[in-house]
N, C-alpha and C. Protein backbone atom coordinates (compact mmCIF):
# COMPACT_ATOMS: atom_id res chain seq x y z
N UNK A 1 110.53 116.76 85.86
CA UNK A 1 109.40 116.89 86.77
C UNK A 1 109.91 116.80 88.21
N UNK A 2 109.23 117.52 89.07
CA UNK A 2 109.60 117.53 90.48
C UNK A 2 108.52 116.81 91.27
N UNK A 3 108.94 115.90 92.14
CA UNK A 3 108.02 115.18 93.02
C UNK A 3 108.21 115.74 94.42
N UNK A 4 107.09 116.14 95.04
CA UNK A 4 107.15 116.75 96.36
C UNK A 4 106.55 115.81 97.39
N UNK A 5 106.95 116.03 98.62
CA UNK A 5 106.43 115.30 99.78
C UNK A 5 106.03 116.34 100.83
N UNK A 6 104.73 116.44 101.08
CA UNK A 6 104.21 117.35 102.10
C UNK A 6 103.66 116.52 103.26
N UNK A 7 103.58 117.13 104.43
CA UNK A 7 102.92 116.49 105.56
C UNK A 7 102.05 117.51 106.29
N UNK A 8 100.97 117.00 106.86
CA UNK A 8 100.15 117.81 107.77
C UNK A 8 100.29 117.28 109.19
N UNK A 9 101.23 116.37 109.38
CA UNK A 9 101.45 115.76 110.69
C UNK A 9 100.73 114.45 110.86
N UNK A 10 99.71 114.22 110.05
CA UNK A 10 98.95 112.97 110.14
C UNK A 10 99.11 112.09 108.91
N UNK A 11 99.58 112.65 107.82
CA UNK A 11 99.75 111.91 106.58
C UNK A 11 100.84 112.58 105.75
N UNK A 12 101.30 111.85 104.74
CA UNK A 12 102.31 112.37 103.82
C UNK A 12 101.68 112.40 102.43
N UNK A 13 101.78 113.53 101.76
CA UNK A 13 101.24 113.71 100.41
C UNK A 13 102.37 113.58 99.42
N UNK A 14 102.17 112.76 98.40
CA UNK A 14 103.13 112.60 97.32
C UNK A 14 102.48 113.13 96.06
N UNK A 15 103.16 114.03 95.37
CA UNK A 15 102.60 114.58 94.14
C UNK A 15 103.69 115.13 93.25
N UNK A 16 103.27 115.61 92.09
CA UNK A 16 104.23 116.18 91.15
C UNK A 16 103.81 117.58 90.77
N UNK A 17 104.78 118.42 90.52
CA UNK A 17 104.50 119.79 90.14
C UNK A 17 105.77 120.43 89.62
N UNK A 18 105.60 121.40 88.75
CA UNK A 18 106.74 122.19 88.32
C UNK A 18 107.09 123.25 89.35
N UNK A 19 106.13 123.53 90.27
CA UNK A 19 106.34 124.54 91.30
C UNK A 19 105.68 124.03 92.58
N UNK A 20 106.44 123.35 93.40
CA UNK A 20 105.89 122.72 94.61
C UNK A 20 105.43 123.72 95.66
N UNK A 21 105.97 124.92 95.66
CA UNK A 21 105.54 125.94 96.61
C UNK A 21 104.13 126.40 96.24
N UNK A 22 103.91 126.71 94.97
CA UNK A 22 102.58 127.11 94.53
C UNK A 22 101.58 125.98 94.75
N UNK A 23 102.00 124.75 94.45
CA UNK A 23 101.12 123.59 94.65
C UNK A 23 100.78 123.42 96.13
N UNK A 24 101.74 123.65 97.00
CA UNK A 24 101.49 123.56 98.43
C UNK A 24 100.43 124.56 98.88
N UNK A 25 100.48 125.76 98.32
CA UNK A 25 99.47 126.78 98.65
C UNK A 25 98.10 126.34 98.16
N UNK A 26 98.04 125.73 96.98
CA UNK A 26 96.77 125.23 96.46
C UNK A 26 96.23 124.10 97.35
N UNK A 27 97.10 123.21 97.78
CA UNK A 27 96.69 122.10 98.64
C UNK A 27 96.22 122.61 100.00
N UNK A 28 96.84 123.68 100.47
CA UNK A 28 96.51 124.20 101.80
C UNK A 28 95.06 124.67 101.86
N UNK A 29 94.53 125.16 100.75
CA UNK A 29 93.16 125.64 100.71
C UNK A 29 92.18 124.56 101.16
N UNK A 30 92.43 123.31 100.79
CA UNK A 30 91.52 122.23 101.15
C UNK A 30 91.92 121.44 102.38
N UNK A 31 92.91 121.91 103.11
CA UNK A 31 93.39 121.18 104.27
C UNK A 31 93.34 122.08 105.51
N UNK A 32 92.62 121.67 106.55
CA UNK A 32 92.52 122.52 107.74
C UNK A 32 93.78 122.57 108.59
N UNK A 33 94.71 121.64 108.34
CA UNK A 33 95.95 121.59 109.11
C UNK A 33 97.08 122.18 108.27
N UNK A 34 98.01 122.91 108.87
CA UNK A 34 99.12 123.49 108.11
C UNK A 34 99.95 122.40 107.42
N UNK A 35 100.29 122.64 106.18
CA UNK A 35 101.13 121.71 105.43
C UNK A 35 102.58 122.14 105.51
N UNK A 36 103.46 121.17 105.60
CA UNK A 36 104.90 121.42 105.68
C UNK A 36 105.59 120.60 104.60
N UNK A 37 106.43 121.26 103.81
CA UNK A 37 107.17 120.58 102.76
C UNK A 37 108.32 119.79 103.37
N UNK A 38 108.30 118.47 103.15
CA UNK A 38 109.38 117.61 103.66
C UNK A 38 110.56 117.59 102.70
N UNK A 39 110.28 117.70 101.41
CA UNK A 39 111.36 117.68 100.43
C UNK A 39 110.85 117.49 99.03
N UNK A 40 111.78 117.63 98.08
CA UNK A 40 111.47 117.54 96.65
C UNK A 40 112.59 116.78 95.97
N UNK A 41 112.21 115.97 94.98
CA UNK A 41 113.22 115.31 94.15
C UNK A 41 112.93 115.64 92.69
N UNK A 42 113.97 115.77 91.90
CA UNK A 42 113.86 115.99 90.47
C UNK A 42 113.99 114.63 89.80
N UNK A 43 112.98 114.26 88.99
CA UNK A 43 112.99 112.92 88.42
C UNK A 43 112.06 112.83 87.22
N UNK A 44 111.95 111.65 86.67
CA UNK A 44 111.04 111.41 85.56
C UNK A 44 109.62 111.24 86.08
N UNK A 45 108.63 111.57 85.27
CA UNK A 45 107.23 111.51 85.68
C UNK A 45 106.82 110.09 86.08
N UNK A 46 107.40 109.06 85.48
CA UNK A 46 107.04 107.69 85.80
C UNK A 46 107.39 107.33 87.24
N UNK A 47 108.35 108.03 87.81
CA UNK A 47 108.79 107.75 89.16
C UNK A 47 107.69 108.01 90.18
N UNK A 48 106.90 109.06 89.96
CA UNK A 48 105.82 109.38 90.89
C UNK A 48 104.84 108.21 90.98
N UNK A 49 104.44 107.66 89.85
CA UNK A 49 103.52 106.52 89.85
C UNK A 49 104.15 105.32 90.55
N UNK A 50 105.44 105.12 90.36
CA UNK A 50 106.14 104.02 91.02
C UNK A 50 106.18 104.19 92.53
N UNK A 51 106.40 105.42 92.97
CA UNK A 51 106.41 105.69 94.42
C UNK A 51 105.04 105.39 95.01
N UNK A 52 104.00 105.83 94.34
CA UNK A 52 102.63 105.61 94.84
C UNK A 52 102.28 104.12 94.84
N UNK A 53 102.78 103.38 93.85
CA UNK A 53 102.55 101.92 93.84
C UNK A 53 103.25 101.27 95.03
N UNK A 54 104.46 101.69 95.31
CA UNK A 54 105.22 101.12 96.44
C UNK A 54 104.54 101.41 97.77
N UNK A 55 103.87 102.54 97.87
CA UNK A 55 103.26 102.96 99.13
C UNK A 55 101.77 102.63 99.23
N UNK A 56 101.20 102.00 98.23
CA UNK A 56 99.73 101.81 98.17
C UNK A 56 99.16 101.10 99.39
N UNK A 57 99.94 100.24 100.04
CA UNK A 57 99.46 99.52 101.23
C UNK A 57 99.10 100.49 102.35
N UNK A 58 99.76 101.62 102.39
CA UNK A 58 99.58 102.59 103.48
C UNK A 58 98.78 103.81 103.06
N UNK A 59 98.05 103.70 101.95
CA UNK A 59 97.25 104.81 101.42
C UNK A 59 96.13 105.17 102.40
N UNK A 60 95.95 106.46 102.61
CA UNK A 60 94.85 106.93 103.47
C UNK A 60 93.52 106.66 102.78
N UNK A 61 92.51 106.44 103.58
CA UNK A 61 91.18 106.18 103.04
C UNK A 61 90.70 107.36 102.21
N UNK A 62 90.13 107.05 101.06
CA UNK A 62 89.55 108.08 100.21
C UNK A 62 90.53 108.87 99.38
N UNK A 63 91.79 108.55 99.41
CA UNK A 63 92.77 109.32 98.65
C UNK A 63 93.75 108.43 97.93
N UNK A 64 94.37 108.97 96.91
CA UNK A 64 95.36 108.19 96.17
C UNK A 64 96.76 108.75 96.34
N UNK A 65 96.87 109.93 96.95
CA UNK A 65 98.18 110.58 97.06
C UNK A 65 98.58 110.87 98.50
N UNK A 66 97.75 110.48 99.47
CA UNK A 66 98.05 110.68 100.89
C UNK A 66 98.30 109.33 101.53
N UNK A 67 99.36 109.26 102.35
CA UNK A 67 99.78 107.99 102.95
C UNK A 67 100.01 108.17 104.45
N UNK A 68 99.62 107.16 105.21
CA UNK A 68 99.87 107.19 106.66
C UNK A 68 101.37 107.16 106.91
N UNK A 69 101.87 107.94 107.86
CA UNK A 69 103.32 108.00 108.11
C UNK A 69 103.81 106.84 108.98
N UNK A 70 103.62 105.63 108.49
CA UNK A 70 104.14 104.45 109.19
C UNK A 70 105.65 104.43 109.06
N UNK A 71 106.29 103.55 109.80
CA UNK A 71 107.76 103.46 109.71
C UNK A 71 108.18 103.09 108.29
N UNK A 72 107.38 102.24 107.62
CA UNK A 72 107.72 101.85 106.24
C UNK A 72 107.66 103.04 105.30
N UNK A 73 106.63 103.85 105.44
CA UNK A 73 106.47 105.02 104.57
C UNK A 73 107.55 106.05 104.87
N UNK A 74 107.80 106.31 106.14
CA UNK A 74 108.84 107.29 106.52
C UNK A 74 110.20 106.84 106.00
N UNK A 75 110.53 105.58 106.16
CA UNK A 75 111.81 105.07 105.67
C UNK A 75 111.91 105.18 104.15
N UNK A 76 110.83 104.86 103.45
CA UNK A 76 110.82 104.93 101.99
C UNK A 76 111.00 106.38 101.51
N UNK A 77 110.23 107.30 102.10
CA UNK A 77 110.32 108.71 101.71
C UNK A 77 111.71 109.25 102.05
N UNK A 78 112.23 108.89 103.20
CA UNK A 78 113.58 109.34 103.58
C UNK A 78 114.61 108.86 102.56
N UNK A 79 114.46 107.62 102.11
CA UNK A 79 115.39 107.09 101.10
C UNK A 79 115.26 107.87 99.79
N UNK A 80 114.03 108.17 99.39
CA UNK A 80 113.82 108.97 98.17
C UNK A 80 114.49 110.32 98.27
N UNK A 81 114.40 110.93 99.44
CA UNK A 81 114.95 112.27 99.65
C UNK A 81 116.43 112.26 100.03
N UNK A 82 116.98 111.07 100.27
CA UNK A 82 118.37 111.00 100.71
C UNK A 82 118.54 111.58 102.11
N UNK A 83 117.53 111.35 102.95
CA UNK A 83 117.49 111.92 104.28
C UNK A 83 117.54 110.82 105.34
N UNK A 84 117.84 111.20 106.55
CA UNK A 84 117.81 110.28 107.68
C UNK A 84 116.36 110.13 108.12
N UNK A 85 115.83 108.90 108.20
CA UNK A 85 114.43 108.71 108.60
C UNK A 85 114.09 109.31 109.95
N UNK A 86 115.06 109.36 110.87
CA UNK A 86 114.80 109.95 112.18
C UNK A 86 114.54 111.44 112.09
N UNK A 87 115.27 112.10 111.20
CA UNK A 87 115.07 113.54 111.00
C UNK A 87 113.71 113.78 110.36
N UNK A 88 113.37 112.96 109.38
CA UNK A 88 112.07 113.09 108.71
C UNK A 88 110.93 112.87 109.70
N UNK A 89 111.04 111.86 110.54
CA UNK A 89 110.01 111.58 111.53
C UNK A 89 109.87 112.74 112.51
N UNK A 90 110.98 113.34 112.88
CA UNK A 90 110.95 114.52 113.76
C UNK A 90 110.18 115.65 113.10
N UNK A 91 110.40 115.87 111.80
CA UNK A 91 109.69 116.92 111.08
C UNK A 91 108.18 116.65 111.05
N UNK A 92 107.81 115.40 110.84
CA UNK A 92 106.39 115.02 110.82
C UNK A 92 105.77 115.25 112.19
N UNK A 93 106.48 114.85 113.24
CA UNK A 93 105.96 115.05 114.60
C UNK A 93 105.85 116.53 114.94
N UNK A 94 106.80 117.34 114.49
CA UNK A 94 106.73 118.78 114.73
C UNK A 94 105.52 119.38 114.04
N UNK A 95 105.23 118.92 112.84
CA UNK A 95 104.06 119.41 112.11
C UNK A 95 102.79 119.06 112.87
N UNK A 96 102.72 117.86 113.39
CA UNK A 96 101.54 117.43 114.16
C UNK A 96 101.41 118.27 115.43
N UNK A 97 102.52 118.47 116.11
CA UNK A 97 102.51 119.24 117.36
C UNK A 97 102.03 120.67 117.12
N UNK A 98 102.52 121.31 116.06
CA UNK A 98 102.13 122.68 115.76
C UNK A 98 100.64 122.78 115.51
N UNK A 99 100.08 121.78 114.89
CA UNK A 99 98.65 121.78 114.60
C UNK A 99 97.82 121.70 115.86
N UNK A 100 98.33 121.02 116.85
CA UNK A 100 97.56 120.78 118.07
C UNK A 100 97.76 121.86 119.13
N UNK A 101 98.76 122.71 118.97
CA UNK A 101 99.06 123.74 119.97
C UNK A 101 97.88 124.62 120.32
N UNK A 102 97.09 125.11 119.35
CA UNK A 102 96.00 126.01 119.72
C UNK A 102 94.95 125.37 120.62
N UNK A 103 94.90 124.06 120.67
CA UNK A 103 93.87 123.37 121.43
C UNK A 103 94.36 122.84 122.78
N UNK A 104 95.63 123.00 123.09
CA UNK A 104 96.18 122.43 124.32
C UNK A 104 95.62 123.09 125.57
N UNK A 105 95.17 124.32 125.47
CA UNK A 105 94.64 125.01 126.65
C UNK A 105 93.17 124.69 126.91
N UNK A 106 92.50 124.03 125.98
CA UNK A 106 91.08 123.74 126.14
C UNK A 106 90.86 122.59 127.11
N UNK A 107 89.80 122.69 127.90
CA UNK A 107 89.44 121.63 128.83
C UNK A 107 87.96 121.30 128.67
N UNK A 108 87.63 120.07 128.92
CA UNK A 108 86.23 119.66 128.90
C UNK A 108 85.58 120.11 130.20
N UNK A 109 84.44 120.74 130.09
CA UNK A 109 83.72 121.20 131.27
C UNK A 109 82.58 120.22 131.54
N UNK A 110 82.53 119.70 132.75
CA UNK A 110 81.47 118.76 133.11
C UNK A 110 80.18 119.46 133.44
């Protein structure tokens, strides 16, 4: 089984799929912000539940698979992916920035 980590810049999604690209497209339908794949690990199905248990403190409201990108979550996900947490955080910030670009030119009119 493959465990994927996606971000929309505001949260990190942890899930399992045999095809994370197809799953990402399915997830995108219900998400107004572009999703970016942070990485994938090949592992046993029990590992996904263990990851979610470890991250449960930082779970987003109303969801069981989305987590706030706190330093603890970023460090944990980076360790799972064998990545540098600073690089992962940069990717999350880039995703957030891309989402906000279309609105940067807007101004409030009094």
